[in-house]
Amino acid sequence: MITITPKAAGQIRSSHGQQAAPAEIYLRLAARLDDKGTIEYGMGIDDKAEGDVLVTSEGINVLVSPGCTELLTGATLDFVEINPGEQRFIFMNPNDPSHKSPKPGG
């Protein structure tokens, strides 16, 4: 359903001060269509709720609510250098009309 690159997984772990994500920590990914038809993304640590889809990628437990699964299916979360010294998480998603496909792990 969704893939997390090794670089993104490493950044998620380091931002929580740990080498491995404990089983009880979940990264929630969300997506919605804005008024222009572009997908907006959100992410954060959350508790598992009834009906959530649970996916594990690169050792990270990912939660997706049922309303977001269609928009996130096939997406990849990566952590890349946008400009020298400027790194951030990006979503590469073939479902997003504005999707540009940079090389994962870049």
C-alpha atoms as a PDB file:
ATOM      1  CA  MET A   1       0.000   0.000   0.000  1.00  0.00           C
ATOM      2  CA  ILE A   2       2.610   2.575   1.067  1.00  0.00           C
ATOM      3  CA  THR A   3       6.375   2.308   1.120  1.00  0.00           C
ATOM      4  CA  ILE A   4       8.851   4.076   3.360  1.00  0.00           C
ATOM      5  CA  THR A   5      12.385   4.394   2.034  1.00  0.00           C
ATOM      6  CA  PRO A   6      15.313   3.396   4.259  1.00  0.00           C
ATOM      7  CA  LYS A   7      16.396   7.050   4.480  1.00  0.00           C
ATOM      8  CA  ALA A   8      12.913   8.161   5.612  1.00  0.00           C
ATOM      9  CA  ALA A   9      12.741   5.320   8.137  1.00  0.00           C
ATOM     10  CA  GLY A  10      16.116   6.341   9.561  1.00  0.00           C
ATOM     11  CA  GLN A  11      14.969   9.936   9.932  1.00  0.00           C
ATOM     12  CA  ILE A  12      11.716   8.862  11.612  1.00  0.00           C
ATOM     13  CA  ARG A  13      13.692   6.755  14.089  1.00  0.00           C
ATOM     14  CA  SER A  14      16.265   9.481  14.804  1.00  0.00           C
ATOM     15  CA  SER A  15      13.585  12.104  15.329  1.00  0.00           C
ATOM     16  CA  HIS A  16      12.259   9.923  18.128  1.00  0.00           C
ATOM     17  CA  GLY A  17      15.720   9.311  19.601  1.00  0.00           C
ATOM     18  CA  GLN A  18      15.740   5.576  19.022  1.00  0.00           C
ATOM     19  CA  GLN A  19      17.356   3.028  16.758  1.00  0.00           C
ATOM     20  CA  ALA A  20      14.200   0.984  16.208  1.00  0.00           C
ATOM     21  CA  ALA A  21      10.563   2.023  16.369  1.00  0.00           C
ATOM     22  CA  PRO A  22       8.842   0.175  19.224  1.00  0.00           C
ATOM     23  CA  ALA A  23       5.739  -1.791  18.277  1.00  0.00           C
ATOM     24  CA  GLU A  24       3.476   0.620  20.188  1.00  0.00           C
ATOM     25  CA  ILE A  25       4.549   3.701  18.188  1.00  0.00           C
ATOM     26  CA  TYR A  26       2.576   4.348  15.018  1.00  0.00           C
ATOM     27  CA  LEU A  27       3.204   6.856  12.274  1.00  0.00           C
ATOM     28  CA  ARG A  28      -0.098   8.114  10.903  1.00  0.00           C
ATOM     29  CA  LEU A  29      -0.140   9.204   7.275  1.00  0.00           C
ATOM     30  CA  ALA A  30      -3.084  11.148   5.930  1.00  0.00           C
ATOM     31  CA  ALA A  31      -4.074  12.560   2.573  1.00  0.00           C
ATOM     32  CA  ARG A  32      -6.909  14.638   1.192  1.00  0.00           C
ATOM     33  CA  LEU A  33      -7.755  16.343  -2.075  1.00  0.00           C
ATOM     34  CA  ASP A  34      -7.680  20.140  -1.949  1.00  0.00           C
ATOM     35  CA  ASP A  35      -9.934  22.427  -3.989  1.00  0.00           C
ATOM     36  CA  LYS A  36      -7.525  22.268  -6.946  1.00  0.00           C
ATOM     37  CA  GLY A  37      -7.483  18.452  -7.000  1.00  0.00           C
ATOM     38  CA  THR A  38      -3.970  18.229  -5.561  1.00  0.00           C
ATOM     39  CA  ILE A  39      -3.292  15.861  -2.682  1.00  0.00           C
ATOM     40  CA  GLU A  40      -2.307  17.429   0.644  1.00  0.00           C
ATOM     41  CA  TYR A  41      -0.414  15.215   3.090  1.00  0.00           C
ATOM     42  CA  GLY A  42      -0.060  14.980   6.831  1.00  0.00           C
ATOM     43  CA  MET A  43       1.942  12.792   9.157  1.00  0.00           C
ATOM     44  CA  GLY A  44       2.511  12.374  12.854  1.00  0.00           C
ATOM     45  CA  ILE A  45       2.688   9.932  15.728  1.00  0.00           C
ATOM     46  CA  ASP A  46      -0.754   8.667  16.739  1.00  0.00           C
ATOM     47  CA  ASP A  47      -2.641   5.875  18.479  1.00  0.00           C
ATOM     48  CA  LYS A  48      -4.248   3.108  16.502  1.00  0.00           C
ATOM     49  CA  ALA A  49      -7.991   3.569  16.003  1.00  0.00           C
ATOM     50  CA  GLU A  50     -10.670   1.102  15.023  1.00  0.00           C
ATOM     51  CA  GLY A  51     -10.760   0.603  11.262  1.00  0.00           C
ATOM     52  CA  ASP A  52      -7.205   1.846  10.657  1.00  0.00           C
ATOM     53  CA  VAL A  53      -5.144   0.045   8.059  1.00  0.00           C
ATOM     54  CA  LEU A  54      -1.775  -0.983   9.512  1.00  0.00           C
ATOM     55  CA  VAL A  55       1.211  -1.370   7.197  1.00  0.00           C
ATOM     56  CA  THR A  56       4.802  -2.010   8.234  1.00  0.00           C
ATOM     57  CA  SER A  57       7.528  -0.697   5.951  1.00  0.00           C
ATOM     58  CA  GLU A  58      11.242  -0.582   6.816  1.00  0.00           C
ATOM     59  CA  GLY A  59      10.284  -1.504  10.395  1.00  0.00           C
ATOM     60  CA  ILE A  60       7.981   1.513  10.777  1.00  0.00           C
ATOM     61  CA  ASN A  61       4.346   0.862  11.722  1.00  0.00           C
ATOM     62  CA  VAL A  62       2.183   3.063   9.532  1.00  0.00           C
ATOM     63  CA  LEU A  63      -1.490   3.832  10.189  1.00  0.00           C
ATOM     64  CA  VAL A  64      -3.851   4.972   7.459  1.00  0.00           C
ATOM     65  CA  SER A  65      -7.521   5.728   8.062  1.00  0.00           C
ATOM     66  CA  PRO A  66      -9.962   4.034   5.683  1.00  0.00           C
ATOM     67  CA  GLY A  67     -10.797   7.378   4.055  1.00  0.00           C
ATOM     68  CA  CYS A  68      -7.162   7.906   3.016  1.00  0.00           C
ATOM     69  CA  THR A  69      -6.273   4.463   1.674  1.00  0.00           C
ATOM     70  CA  GLU A  70      -7.291   5.149  -1.915  1.00  0.00           C
ATOM     71  CA  LEU A  71      -5.207   8.329  -2.102  1.00  0.00           C
ATOM     72  CA  LEU A  72      -2.137   6.725  -0.484  1.00  0.00           C
ATOM     73  CA  THR A  73      -2.108   3.360  -2.265  1.00  0.00           C
ATOM     74  CA  GLY A  74       1.142   3.073  -4.184  1.00  0.00           C
ATOM     75  CA  ALA A  75       2.728   6.118  -2.500  1.00  0.00           C
ATOM     76  CA  THR A  76       6.294   6.288  -1.193  1.00  0.00           C
ATOM     77  CA  LEU A  77       7.505   8.431   1.710  1.00  0.00           C
ATOM     78  CA  ASP A  78      11.106   9.553   1.313  1.00  0.00           C
ATOM     79  CA  PHE A  79      13.486  11.964   3.050  1.00  0.00           C
ATOM     80  CA  VAL A  80      15.498  13.979   0.541  1.00  0.00           C
ATOM     81  CA  GLU A  81      17.745  16.998   0.215  1.00  0.00           C
ATOM     82  CA  ILE A  82      15.719  19.659  -1.575  1.00  0.00           C
ATOM     83  CA  ASN A  83      18.482  22.285  -1.583  1.00  0.00           C
ATOM     84  CA  PRO A  84      21.975  22.096  -0.071  1.00  0.00           C
ATOM     85  CA  GLY A  85      21.461  21.681   3.664  1.00  0.00           C
ATOM     86  CA  GLU A  86      17.649  21.564   3.366  1.00  0.00           C
ATOM     87  CA  GLN A  87      16.148  18.114   3.853  1.00  0.00           C
ATOM     88  CA  ARG A  88      12.519  17.145   4.256  1.00  0.00           C
ATOM     89  CA  PHE A  89      10.002  14.373   3.881  1.00  0.00           C
ATOM     90  CA  ILE A  90       8.314  14.096   0.507  1.00  0.00           C
ATOM     91  CA  PHE A  91       5.540  11.909  -0.830  1.00  0.00           C
ATOM     92  CA  MET A  92       5.944  10.373  -4.253  1.00  0.00           C
ATOM     93  CA  ASN A  93       2.438   9.378  -5.221  1.00  0.00           C
ATOM     94  CA  PRO A  94       1.211   8.234  -8.628  1.00  0.00           C
ATOM     95  CA  ASN A  95      -2.349   9.174  -7.535  1.00  0.00           C
ATOM     96  CA  ASP A  96      -1.393  12.863  -7.236  1.00  0.00           C
ATOM     97  CA  PRO A  97      -1.840  14.860 -10.453  1.00  0.00           C
ATOM     98  CA  SER A  98       1.111  17.082  -9.446  1.00  0.00           C
ATOM     99  CA  HIS A  99       3.329  14.027  -8.793  1.00  0.00           C
ATOM    100  CA  LYS A 100       6.910  14.392  -9.913  1.00  0.00           C
ATOM    101  CA  SER A 101       9.022  11.309  -9.461  1.00  0.00           C
ATOM    102  CA  PRO A 102      12.427  12.094  -7.957  1.00  0.00           C
ATOM    103  CA  LYS A 103      14.752   9.198  -7.432  1.00  0.00           C
ATOM    104  CA  PRO A 104      13.983   7.529  -4.027  1.00  0.00           C
ATOM    105  CA  GLY A 105      16.692   7.884  -1.407  1.00  0.00           C
ATOM    106  CA  GLY A 106      18.129  10.906  -3.222  1.00  0.00           C
END
